[in-house]
N, C-alpha and C. Protein backbone atom coordinates (compact mmCIF):
# COMPACT_ATOMS: atom_id res chain seq x y z
N UNK A 1 10.42 23.26 -19.77
CA UNK A 1 10.22 22.41 -18.62
C UNK A 1 8.88 22.72 -18.02
N UNK A 2 8.15 21.73 -17.56
CA UNK A 2 6.81 21.91 -17.02
C UNK A 2 6.82 22.25 -15.55
N UNK A 3 7.33 23.41 -15.17
CA UNK A 3 7.29 23.82 -13.77
C UNK A 3 8.60 23.60 -13.06
N UNK A 4 8.62 24.04 -11.83
CA UNK A 4 9.83 23.95 -11.01
C UNK A 4 10.10 22.52 -10.57
N UNK A 5 11.36 22.22 -10.40
CA UNK A 5 11.73 20.96 -9.77
C UNK A 5 11.31 21.03 -8.31
N UNK A 6 10.91 19.91 -7.77
CA UNK A 6 10.50 19.87 -6.37
C UNK A 6 11.54 19.11 -5.57
N UNK A 7 11.96 19.72 -4.46
CA UNK A 7 12.96 19.10 -3.59
C UNK A 7 12.43 19.05 -2.17
N UNK A 8 12.67 17.93 -1.51
CA UNK A 8 12.42 17.79 -0.08
C UNK A 8 13.79 17.81 0.58
N UNK A 9 13.96 18.74 1.53
CA UNK A 9 15.22 18.83 2.27
C UNK A 9 14.91 18.52 3.73
N UNK A 10 15.61 17.51 4.25
CA UNK A 10 15.43 17.11 5.65
C UNK A 10 16.71 17.51 6.38
N UNK A 11 16.63 18.62 7.08
CA UNK A 11 17.79 19.23 7.74
C UNK A 11 17.29 19.95 8.99
N UNK A 12 17.84 19.59 10.14
CA UNK A 12 17.35 20.17 11.40
C UNK A 12 17.98 21.51 11.74
N UNK A 13 19.06 21.90 11.08
CA UNK A 13 19.67 23.20 11.33
C UNK A 13 19.02 24.23 10.41
N UNK A 14 18.25 25.14 10.99
CA UNK A 14 17.45 26.09 10.22
C UNK A 14 18.29 26.94 9.27
N UNK A 15 19.49 27.36 9.71
CA UNK A 15 20.33 28.18 8.84
C UNK A 15 20.79 27.40 7.61
N UNK A 16 21.10 26.13 7.78
CA UNK A 16 21.50 25.31 6.63
C UNK A 16 20.31 25.01 5.72
N UNK A 17 19.15 24.82 6.31
CA UNK A 17 17.94 24.63 5.52
C UNK A 17 17.67 25.86 4.67
N UNK A 18 17.79 27.04 5.26
CA UNK A 18 17.59 28.29 4.51
C UNK A 18 18.63 28.43 3.39
N UNK A 19 19.87 28.07 3.70
CA UNK A 19 20.93 28.14 2.70
C UNK A 19 20.63 27.21 1.53
N UNK A 20 20.21 25.99 1.82
CA UNK A 20 19.86 25.04 0.76
C UNK A 20 18.64 25.53 -0.04
N UNK A 21 17.67 26.12 0.65
CA UNK A 21 16.52 26.69 -0.07
C UNK A 21 16.97 27.71 -1.10
N UNK A 22 17.88 28.59 -0.69
CA UNK A 22 18.37 29.61 -1.60
C UNK A 22 19.17 29.05 -2.75
N UNK A 23 20.12 28.16 -2.44
CA UNK A 23 20.97 27.60 -3.48
C UNK A 23 20.17 26.74 -4.46
N UNK A 24 19.29 25.89 -3.95
CA UNK A 24 18.48 25.05 -4.83
C UNK A 24 17.46 25.89 -5.60
N UNK A 25 16.96 26.93 -4.95
CA UNK A 25 16.03 27.83 -5.62
C UNK A 25 16.63 28.49 -6.85
N UNK A 26 17.93 28.79 -6.81
CA UNK A 26 18.61 29.36 -7.97
C UNK A 26 18.67 28.38 -9.14
N UNK A 27 18.45 27.12 -8.86
CA UNK A 27 18.44 26.09 -9.90
C UNK A 27 17.02 25.65 -10.23
N UNK A 28 16.07 26.47 -9.85
CA UNK A 28 14.69 26.20 -10.22
C UNK A 28 13.95 25.23 -9.33
N UNK A 29 14.49 24.95 -8.15
CA UNK A 29 13.82 24.02 -7.23
C UNK A 29 12.89 24.76 -6.28
N UNK A 30 11.74 24.19 -6.11
CA UNK A 30 10.82 24.62 -5.06
C UNK A 30 11.07 23.66 -3.89
N UNK A 31 11.55 24.21 -2.78
CA UNK A 31 12.01 23.40 -1.66
C UNK A 31 10.99 23.35 -0.54
N UNK A 32 10.71 22.14 -0.09
CA UNK A 32 9.95 21.92 1.14
C UNK A 32 10.94 21.41 2.17
N UNK A 33 11.04 22.13 3.28
CA UNK A 33 12.02 21.78 4.28
C UNK A 33 11.40 21.19 5.54
N UNK A 34 12.11 20.24 6.13
CA UNK A 34 11.64 19.55 7.33
C UNK A 34 12.80 19.38 8.30
N UNK A 35 12.53 19.65 9.57
CA UNK A 35 13.56 19.54 10.60
C UNK A 35 13.65 18.18 11.25
N UNK A 36 12.65 17.34 10.99
CA UNK A 36 12.63 15.99 11.56
C UNK A 36 12.60 14.96 10.44
N UNK A 37 13.29 13.85 10.66
CA UNK A 37 13.35 12.80 9.65
C UNK A 37 11.99 12.23 9.31
N UNK A 38 11.16 11.98 10.31
CA UNK A 38 9.85 11.39 10.05
C UNK A 38 8.96 12.33 9.24
N UNK A 39 9.02 13.63 9.54
CA UNK A 39 8.23 14.61 8.77
C UNK A 39 8.63 14.60 7.30
N UNK A 40 9.93 14.63 7.05
CA UNK A 40 10.42 14.63 5.67
C UNK A 40 10.11 13.33 4.95
N UNK A 41 10.24 12.23 5.66
CA UNK A 41 9.92 10.92 5.11
C UNK A 41 8.45 10.86 4.71
N UNK A 42 7.58 11.30 5.60
CA UNK A 42 6.14 11.30 5.31
C UNK A 42 5.81 12.19 4.11
N UNK A 43 6.44 13.37 4.05
CA UNK A 43 6.18 14.30 2.95
C UNK A 43 6.66 13.72 1.61
N UNK A 44 7.84 13.12 1.60
CA UNK A 44 8.37 12.54 0.36
C UNK A 44 7.52 11.38 -0.12
N UNK A 45 7.01 10.60 0.80
CA UNK A 45 6.14 9.48 0.42
C UNK A 45 4.79 9.96 -0.10
N UNK A 46 4.26 11.00 0.52
CA UNK A 46 2.94 11.50 0.14
C UNK A 46 2.93 12.12 -1.25
N UNK A 47 4.03 12.81 -1.61
CA UNK A 47 4.12 13.47 -2.91
C UNK A 47 5.58 13.43 -3.35
N UNK A 48 6.00 12.32 -3.97
CA UNK A 48 7.42 12.13 -4.30
C UNK A 48 8.00 13.30 -5.11
N UNK A 49 9.10 13.87 -4.60
CA UNK A 49 9.74 15.01 -5.27
C UNK A 49 10.73 14.55 -6.34
N UNK A 50 11.37 15.53 -6.96
CA UNK A 50 12.41 15.26 -7.96
C UNK A 50 13.77 15.02 -7.31
N UNK A 51 13.92 15.48 -6.07
CA UNK A 51 15.20 15.40 -5.36
C UNK A 51 14.91 15.38 -3.86
N UNK A 52 15.69 14.57 -3.12
CA UNK A 52 15.59 14.55 -1.66
C UNK A 52 16.99 14.74 -1.10
N UNK A 53 17.13 15.70 -0.18
CA UNK A 53 18.39 15.94 0.51
C UNK A 53 18.18 15.56 1.97
N UNK A 54 19.06 14.70 2.49
CA UNK A 54 18.90 14.18 3.85
C UNK A 54 20.16 14.40 4.67
N UNK A 55 19.99 15.08 5.80
CA UNK A 55 21.05 15.19 6.80
C UNK A 55 21.12 13.85 7.53
N UNK A 56 22.27 13.46 7.97
CA UNK A 56 22.41 12.18 8.67
C UNK A 56 22.10 12.33 10.16
N UNK A 57 22.58 13.39 10.77
CA UNK A 57 22.41 13.58 12.21
C UNK A 57 21.15 14.39 12.49
N UNK A 58 20.03 13.68 12.59
CA UNK A 58 18.73 14.30 12.83
C UNK A 58 18.28 14.00 14.27
N UNK A 59 17.41 14.84 14.83
CA UNK A 59 17.03 14.65 16.23
C UNK A 59 16.10 13.47 16.50
N UNK A 60 15.36 13.00 15.49
CA UNK A 60 14.43 11.90 15.76
C UNK A 60 14.88 10.59 15.14
N UNK A 61 15.06 10.54 13.87
CA UNK A 61 15.52 9.34 13.16
C UNK A 61 16.92 9.56 12.65
N UNK A 62 17.70 8.52 12.61
CA UNK A 62 19.00 8.60 11.96
C UNK A 62 18.77 8.75 10.46
N UNK A 63 19.50 9.67 9.83
CA UNK A 63 19.35 9.89 8.40
C UNK A 63 19.57 8.64 7.57
N UNK A 64 20.41 7.73 8.06
CA UNK A 64 20.63 6.46 7.36
C UNK A 64 19.33 5.67 7.26
N UNK A 65 18.57 5.67 8.37
CA UNK A 65 17.28 4.97 8.37
C UNK A 65 16.28 5.64 7.44
N UNK A 66 16.30 6.96 7.41
CA UNK A 66 15.42 7.70 6.50
C UNK A 66 15.70 7.29 5.06
N UNK A 67 16.99 7.26 4.71
CA UNK A 67 17.37 6.91 3.34
C UNK A 67 16.98 5.47 3.01
N UNK A 68 17.23 4.56 3.91
CA UNK A 68 16.86 3.16 3.66
C UNK A 68 15.35 3.01 3.49
N UNK A 69 14.57 3.73 4.29
CA UNK A 69 13.11 3.66 4.15
C UNK A 69 12.65 4.27 2.82
N UNK A 70 13.28 5.35 2.41
CA UNK A 70 12.95 5.96 1.12
C UNK A 70 13.25 5.00 -0.03
N UNK A 71 14.38 4.32 0.03
CA UNK A 71 14.76 3.36 -1.01
C UNK A 71 13.86 2.13 -1.01
N UNK A 72 13.32 1.75 0.14
CA UNK A 72 12.47 0.57 0.23
C UNK A 72 11.03 0.84 -0.23
N UNK A 73 10.67 2.10 -0.33
CA UNK A 73 9.31 2.47 -0.71
C UNK A 73 9.25 2.66 -2.23
N UNK A 74 8.33 1.98 -2.93
CA UNK A 74 8.27 2.11 -4.38
C UNK A 74 7.99 3.54 -4.85
N UNK A 75 7.36 4.35 -4.02
CA UNK A 75 7.06 5.74 -4.42
C UNK A 75 8.31 6.60 -4.49
N UNK A 76 9.35 6.27 -3.71
CA UNK A 76 10.55 7.09 -3.65
C UNK A 76 11.83 6.30 -3.99
N UNK A 77 11.66 5.07 -4.40
CA UNK A 77 12.82 4.19 -4.63
C UNK A 77 13.81 4.73 -5.66
N UNK A 78 13.32 5.44 -6.67
CA UNK A 78 14.21 5.90 -7.74
C UNK A 78 14.53 7.39 -7.66
N UNK A 79 14.00 8.06 -6.67
CA UNK A 79 14.25 9.50 -6.51
C UNK A 79 15.72 9.73 -6.13
N UNK A 80 16.40 10.67 -6.78
CA UNK A 80 17.77 10.97 -6.37
C UNK A 80 17.82 11.46 -4.92
N UNK A 81 18.67 10.82 -4.12
CA UNK A 81 18.85 11.20 -2.73
C UNK A 81 20.27 11.71 -2.56
N UNK A 82 20.39 12.87 -1.91
CA UNK A 82 21.69 13.46 -1.61
C UNK A 82 21.87 13.46 -0.10
N UNK A 83 22.98 12.93 0.35
CA UNK A 83 23.34 12.96 1.76
C UNK A 83 24.06 14.27 2.02
N UNK A 84 23.59 15.00 3.02
CA UNK A 84 24.23 16.26 3.41
C UNK A 84 24.74 16.06 4.82
N UNK A 85 26.07 16.07 4.99
CA UNK A 85 26.60 15.69 6.29
C UNK A 85 27.99 16.24 6.55
N UNK A 86 28.32 16.33 7.85
CA UNK A 86 29.67 16.68 8.27
C UNK A 86 30.54 15.43 8.39
N UNK A 87 29.92 14.26 8.32
CA UNK A 87 30.65 13.00 8.45
C UNK A 87 31.54 12.77 7.24
N UNK A 88 32.60 12.00 7.43
CA UNK A 88 33.50 11.68 6.32
C UNK A 88 32.78 10.85 5.27
N UNK A 89 33.12 11.10 4.02
CA UNK A 89 32.50 10.39 2.90
C UNK A 89 32.66 8.88 3.04
N UNK A 90 33.79 8.42 3.59
CA UNK A 90 34.01 6.99 3.76
C UNK A 90 32.97 6.37 4.69
N UNK A 91 32.52 7.15 5.68
CA UNK A 91 31.52 6.66 6.62
C UNK A 91 30.12 6.60 6.02
N UNK A 92 29.96 7.19 4.85
CA UNK A 92 28.65 7.26 4.20
C UNK A 92 28.59 6.44 2.92
N UNK A 93 29.69 5.82 2.56
CA UNK A 93 29.81 5.13 1.27
C UNK A 93 28.81 3.98 1.11
N UNK A 94 28.36 3.39 2.21
CA UNK A 94 27.45 2.25 2.12
C UNK A 94 26.00 2.66 1.88
N UNK A 95 25.71 3.94 1.92
CA UNK A 95 24.33 4.39 1.76
C UNK A 95 23.92 4.41 0.29
N UNK A 96 22.68 4.02 0.00
CA UNK A 96 22.18 4.04 -1.38
C UNK A 96 21.75 5.45 -1.79
N UNK A 97 22.73 6.33 -1.92
CA UNK A 97 22.47 7.72 -2.27
C UNK A 97 23.15 8.06 -3.59
N UNK A 98 22.60 9.05 -4.29
CA UNK A 98 23.16 9.47 -5.58
C UNK A 98 24.42 10.31 -5.40
N UNK A 99 24.51 11.05 -4.28
CA UNK A 99 25.65 11.94 -4.08
C UNK A 99 25.76 12.33 -2.61
N UNK A 100 26.91 12.89 -2.28
CA UNK A 100 27.15 13.41 -0.94
C UNK A 100 27.48 14.90 -1.08
N UNK A 101 26.81 15.72 -0.28
CA UNK A 101 27.09 17.14 -0.21
C UNK A 101 27.70 17.38 1.17
N UNK A 102 29.02 17.60 1.18
CA UNK A 102 29.74 17.75 2.44
C UNK A 102 29.50 19.13 3.04
N UNK A 103 29.25 19.14 4.35
CA UNK A 103 29.14 20.41 5.08
C UNK A 103 30.54 20.79 5.53
N UNK A 104 30.91 22.04 5.48
CA UNK A 104 30.15 23.17 4.96
C UNK A 104 30.17 23.16 3.43
N UNK A 105 29.15 23.74 2.84
CA UNK A 105 29.03 23.81 1.38
C UNK A 105 28.67 25.23 0.99
N UNK A 106 28.89 25.52 -0.28
CA UNK A 106 28.55 26.83 -0.84
C UNK A 106 27.73 26.66 -2.10
N UNK A 107 27.39 27.78 -2.71
CA UNK A 107 26.54 27.70 -3.90
C UNK A 107 27.23 26.98 -5.06
N UNK A 108 28.55 27.07 -5.16
CA UNK A 108 29.26 26.36 -6.22
C UNK A 108 29.15 24.84 -6.01
N UNK A 109 29.17 24.40 -4.75
CA UNK A 109 29.03 22.97 -4.45
C UNK A 109 27.65 22.47 -4.86
N UNK A 110 26.64 23.27 -4.59
CA UNK A 110 25.27 22.88 -4.97
C UNK A 110 25.13 22.89 -6.48
N UNK A 111 25.70 23.87 -7.16
CA UNK A 111 25.64 23.92 -8.62
C UNK A 111 26.32 22.69 -9.21
N UNK A 112 27.47 22.32 -8.67
CA UNK A 112 28.18 21.12 -9.14
C UNK A 112 27.35 19.87 -8.90
N UNK A 113 26.71 19.81 -7.75
CA UNK A 113 25.84 18.68 -7.43
C UNK A 113 24.71 18.56 -8.45
N UNK A 114 24.07 19.66 -8.77
CA UNK A 114 22.96 19.62 -9.74
C UNK A 114 23.46 19.17 -11.11
N UNK A 115 24.65 19.60 -11.50
CA UNK A 115 25.23 19.15 -12.78
C UNK A 115 25.51 17.65 -12.75
N UNK A 116 26.11 17.18 -11.64
CA UNK A 116 26.44 15.76 -11.53
C UNK A 116 25.20 14.89 -11.54
N UNK A 117 24.13 15.37 -10.94
CA UNK A 117 22.89 14.59 -10.92
C UNK A 117 22.13 14.70 -12.23
N UNK A 118 22.57 15.62 -13.09
CA UNK A 118 21.94 15.84 -14.40
C UNK A 118 20.45 16.18 -14.27
N UNK A 119 20.14 16.93 -13.21
CA UNK A 119 18.76 17.40 -13.07
C UNK A 119 18.59 18.62 -13.96
N UNK A 120 17.51 18.68 -14.69
CA UNK A 120 17.31 19.83 -15.57
C UNK A 120 17.17 21.10 -14.75
N UNK A 121 17.71 22.19 -15.25
CA UNK A 121 17.59 23.47 -14.56
C UNK A 121 16.32 24.12 -15.04
N UNK A 122 15.42 24.34 -14.13
CA UNK A 122 14.14 24.97 -14.48
C UNK A 122 14.39 26.46 -14.73
N UNK A 123 13.49 27.06 -15.48
CA UNK A 123 13.56 28.50 -15.69
C UNK A 123 13.26 29.20 -14.37
N UNK A 124 14.13 30.12 -14.01
CA UNK A 124 13.96 30.87 -12.77
C UNK A 124 13.68 32.30 -13.14
N UNK A 125 12.63 32.86 -12.59
CA UNK A 125 12.27 34.24 -12.89
C UNK A 125 13.43 35.15 -12.49
N UNK A 126 13.79 36.06 -13.37
CA UNK A 126 14.87 36.99 -13.08
C UNK A 126 16.22 36.54 -13.60
N UNK A 127 16.31 35.34 -14.17
CA UNK A 127 17.61 34.87 -14.73
C UNK A 127 17.70 35.22 -16.19
């Protein structure tokens, strides 16, 4: 594989952002984290990643709007988007996302997510 997978995580809770950094890092992802929807949206558009994780309840933009804007932009239209939320899956079913990662989650949930998305696992130093 030619380098680490790149992930943009838009999550305003710092502890959950750190947790996702660790779990995704074990799967070879280099994570850029953002606490605001607009920051993450701008970053994903500027340099489209291999994966985008979006919290729904963000302090500036609603995560639903972030996802719709990502899907409407040709630079990020085909990037796998994962919704990370405490909301019920039924309330999120209308979103154009590849998967839902329900909070609370653990490393097994993230590993299952990566398998379901069929993202290649990059070589991780120390594995």
